[in-house]
Protein backbone atom coordinates (compact mmCIF):
# COMPACT_ATOMS: atom_id res chain seq x y z
CA MET A 1 -17.09 -0.14 -20.87
CA ILE A 2 -13.58 -1.05 -19.10
CA PHE A 3 -10.34 -1.07 -20.73
CA TYR A 4 -7.23 -3.07 -19.47
CA ILE A 5 -3.45 -3.12 -20.01
CA GLU A 6 -0.97 -5.63 -18.12
CA HIS A 7 2.17 -3.62 -16.36
CA PRO A 8 5.52 -5.16 -15.10
CA SER A 9 6.11 -4.15 -11.62
CA PRO A 10 8.36 -5.48 -8.87
CA VAL A 11 5.48 -7.32 -7.13
CA GLY A 12 4.57 -9.10 -10.55
CA ARG A 13 2.17 -8.59 -13.26
CA LEU A 14 -0.51 -6.01 -12.64
CA LEU A 15 -3.90 -5.51 -14.49
CA LEU A 16 -4.84 -1.98 -14.47
CA ALA A 17 -8.49 -1.63 -15.86
CA ALA A 18 -10.03 1.81 -16.38
CA SER A 19 -13.31 3.29 -17.85
CA GLY A 20 -13.19 6.80 -19.46
CA GLN A 21 -13.80 8.28 -15.86
CA GLY A 22 -11.18 6.83 -14.11
CA LEU A 23 -8.98 4.14 -12.95
CA SER A 24 -11.42 1.05 -11.67
CA GLY A 25 -8.88 -1.44 -10.70
CA ILE A 26 -5.28 -2.91 -9.94
CA TYR A 27 -5.00 -6.87 -9.62
CA PHE A 28 -2.13 -8.80 -9.16
CA GLU A 29 -1.70 -12.02 -10.31
CA GLU A 30 -3.61 -14.69 -8.20
CA HIS A 31 -5.53 -11.69 -6.93
CA LYS A 32 -7.81 -13.13 -3.96
CA HIS A 33 -11.14 -11.37 -5.05
CA PHE A 34 -10.72 -10.79 -8.64
CA LYS A 35 -13.86 -11.81 -10.56
CA GLY A 36 -12.06 -11.64 -13.87
CA LYS A 37 -12.19 -9.48 -17.10
CA ASP A 38 -15.49 -10.82 -18.72
CA GLY A 39 -16.53 -8.08 -20.63
CA TRP A 40 -13.73 -5.96 -20.59
CA GLN A 41 -11.22 -5.11 -23.61
CA GLN A 42 -8.18 -4.84 -24.20
CA ALA A 43 -6.82 -0.93 -24.01
CA SER A 44 -5.46 0.64 -27.40
CA THR A 45 -4.37 4.31 -27.45
CA GLN A 46 -7.93 5.18 -28.74
CA SER A 47 -9.69 3.35 -25.63
CA ALA A 48 -11.72 5.83 -23.49
CA GLY A 49 -9.44 4.73 -20.42
CA TRP A 50 -6.08 4.63 -22.17
CA LYS A 51 -4.89 7.95 -20.74
CA HIS A 52 -6.06 6.66 -16.90
CA LEU A 53 -4.13 3.73 -17.54
CA GLN A 54 -1.23 5.46 -19.04
CA ALA A 55 -1.23 7.63 -16.10
CA THR A 56 -1.45 4.96 -13.47
CA ALA A 57 1.30 2.92 -14.93
CA GLN A 58 3.59 5.86 -14.93
CA GLN A 59 2.90 6.87 -10.94
CA LEU A 60 3.12 3.05 -9.89
CA ASP A 61 6.64 2.96 -11.82
CA GLU A 62 7.50 6.39 -10.07
CA TYR A 63 6.23 5.01 -6.72
CA PHE A 64 8.21 1.59 -7.05
CA ALA A 65 11.24 3.50 -7.95
CA GLY A 66 10.94 5.67 -4.59
CA ARG A 67 10.05 8.97 -6.74
CA ARG A 68 6.11 9.24 -5.58
CA THR A 69 4.33 8.97 -2.39
CA GLU A 70 1.24 9.99 -3.46
CA PHE A 71 -0.90 9.33 -6.42
CA ASP A 72 -3.31 11.68 -8.37
CA VAL A 73 -5.17 9.40 -10.92
CA ALA A 74 -8.73 9.91 -11.49
CA LEU A 75 -10.62 6.97 -9.74
CA ASP A 76 -13.79 5.44 -10.61
CA MET A 77 -14.31 2.58 -7.96
CA THR A 78 -17.50 0.53 -8.13
CA GLY A 79 -18.82 -0.64 -4.37
CA THR A 80 -21.39 -0.09 -2.00
CA VAL A 81 -21.95 3.13 -0.25
CA PHE A 82 -20.04 1.44 3.15
CA GLN A 83 -17.02 0.09 1.20
CA ARG A 84 -16.54 3.28 -0.75
CA SER A 85 -16.61 5.21 2.81
CA VAL A 86 -13.82 2.69 4.18
CA TRP A 87 -11.98 2.92 0.65
CA GLN A 88 -12.12 6.94 1.25
CA GLU A 89 -10.49 6.87 4.62
CA LEU A 90 -7.91 4.22 3.31
CA SER A 91 -6.68 7.36 0.99
CA ALA A 92 -6.10 9.33 4.04
CA ILE A 93 -3.53 7.14 5.64
CA PRO A 94 -0.21 9.08 4.58
CA PHE A 95 2.63 7.13 2.95
CA GLY A 96 5.15 5.52 5.31
CA ALA A 97 2.37 5.08 7.99
CA SER A 98 0.28 2.45 9.16
CA VAL A 99 -2.89 1.93 11.00
CA SER A 100 -4.71 -1.07 12.70
CA TYR A 101 -7.93 -2.35 11.43
CA ALA A 102 -9.60 -1.20 14.75
CA GLN A 103 -8.18 2.17 14.31
CA HIS A 104 -9.55 2.15 10.82
CA ALA A 105 -13.16 1.12 12.04
CA GLN A 106 -12.70 3.92 14.71
CA LYS A 107 -11.95 6.28 12.25
CA LEU A 108 -14.79 5.76 10.40
CA GLY A 109 -16.98 6.19 13.42
CA ASN A 110 -17.79 2.39 13.74
CA PRO A 111 -15.39 0.55 16.22
CA LYS A 112 -17.65 -2.60 16.43
CA ALA A 113 -17.72 -2.96 12.61
CA LEU A 114 -14.20 -4.53 12.52
CA ARG A 115 -15.11 -7.50 10.51
CA ALA A 116 -17.01 -5.46 7.53
CA VAL A 117 -14.10 -2.81 7.65
CA GLY A 118 -11.68 -5.82 7.10
CA ALA A 119 -14.08 -7.26 4.59
CA ALA A 120 -14.36 -3.94 2.40
CA ILE A 121 -10.96 -3.46 3.03
CA GLY A 122 -10.40 -6.51 1.43
CA LYS A 123 -12.50 -5.80 -1.79
CA ASN A 124 -10.56 -2.58 -2.36
CA PRO A 125 -10.46 -2.66 -6.04
CA VAL A 126 -7.34 -0.08 -6.21
CA SER A 127 -4.82 -1.69 -4.33
CA ILE A 128 -1.44 0.24 -3.74
CA ILE A 129 -3.06 3.54 -5.08
CA VAL A 130 -5.79 3.23 -2.29
CA PRO A 131 -3.64 2.22 0.00
CA CYS A 132 -5.12 -0.90 1.90
CA HIS A 133 -1.37 -2.42 2.55
CA ARG A 134 -0.88 0.27 5.22
CA VAL A 135 -3.62 -1.28 7.45
CA ILE A 136 -2.12 -4.03 9.82
CA GLY A 137 -3.05 -6.06 12.39
CA SER A 138 -3.23 -4.37 16.31
CA SER A 139 -0.02 -6.03 17.14
CA GLY A 140 1.85 -4.94 14.16
CA ALA A 141 1.21 -8.06 12.46
CA VAL A 142 1.05 -8.16 8.55
CA THR A 143 -2.35 -9.83 7.82
CA GLY A 144 -4.49 -10.27 4.94
CA TYR A 145 -3.99 -8.86 1.85
CA ALA A 146 -5.59 -9.62 -1.39
CA GLY A 147 -2.63 -9.67 -3.43
CA GLY A 148 -1.00 -11.79 -0.67
CA VAL A 149 0.94 -10.84 2.21
CA GLU A 150 4.37 -11.01 0.88
CA ARG A 151 3.51 -8.41 -1.26
CA LYS A 152 1.78 -5.92 1.44
CA ARG A 153 5.39 -6.57 3.22
CA PHE A 154 6.93 -5.34 0.32
CA LEU A 155 5.03 -2.42 -0.04
CA LEU A 156 5.32 -1.61 3.51
CA ALA A 157 9.14 -2.00 3.53
CA LEU A 158 9.16 0.28 0.40
CA GLU A 159 7.48 3.20 2.23
CA GLY A 160 9.56 2.19 5.36
CA VAL A 161 7.16 1.16 7.46
CA ALA A 162 8.62 -1.58 10.13
CA VAL A 163 6.16 -4.53 10.85
CA ASN A 164 6.39 -7.76 12.90
């Protein structure tokens, strides 16, 4: 079962979703790849995912206030083996840094899979915490983000990353 709460942030209201095992989603308003919350339940203090949702909300608040550079919430992300490998590598990009899509594909050992890597990055269900916003175009341009490029620009600026 997936439980959810809505949480205010500087990038708009976020929908936080979790199972009893961990955080399973962070979705922006008008999130490009969000399939909806059919079958989900609004969380209460007795919900199996409550502690994960509360920890996520607190850590996001700290991040937006400039007091957190790493997240340590438990994750319960659903995706293909390939997607999960792409997302795992995203987690290795440090706060305040960025890599290109081509560099990310190379780190995965598959530099020719650029489109597949980009598609997997776009379907990252845990934006911000699994920092897909840190992947930019080879020219340094801010491109593609399921929450919109203005949010991506905001997050990069928050982390002190200069982009085109």
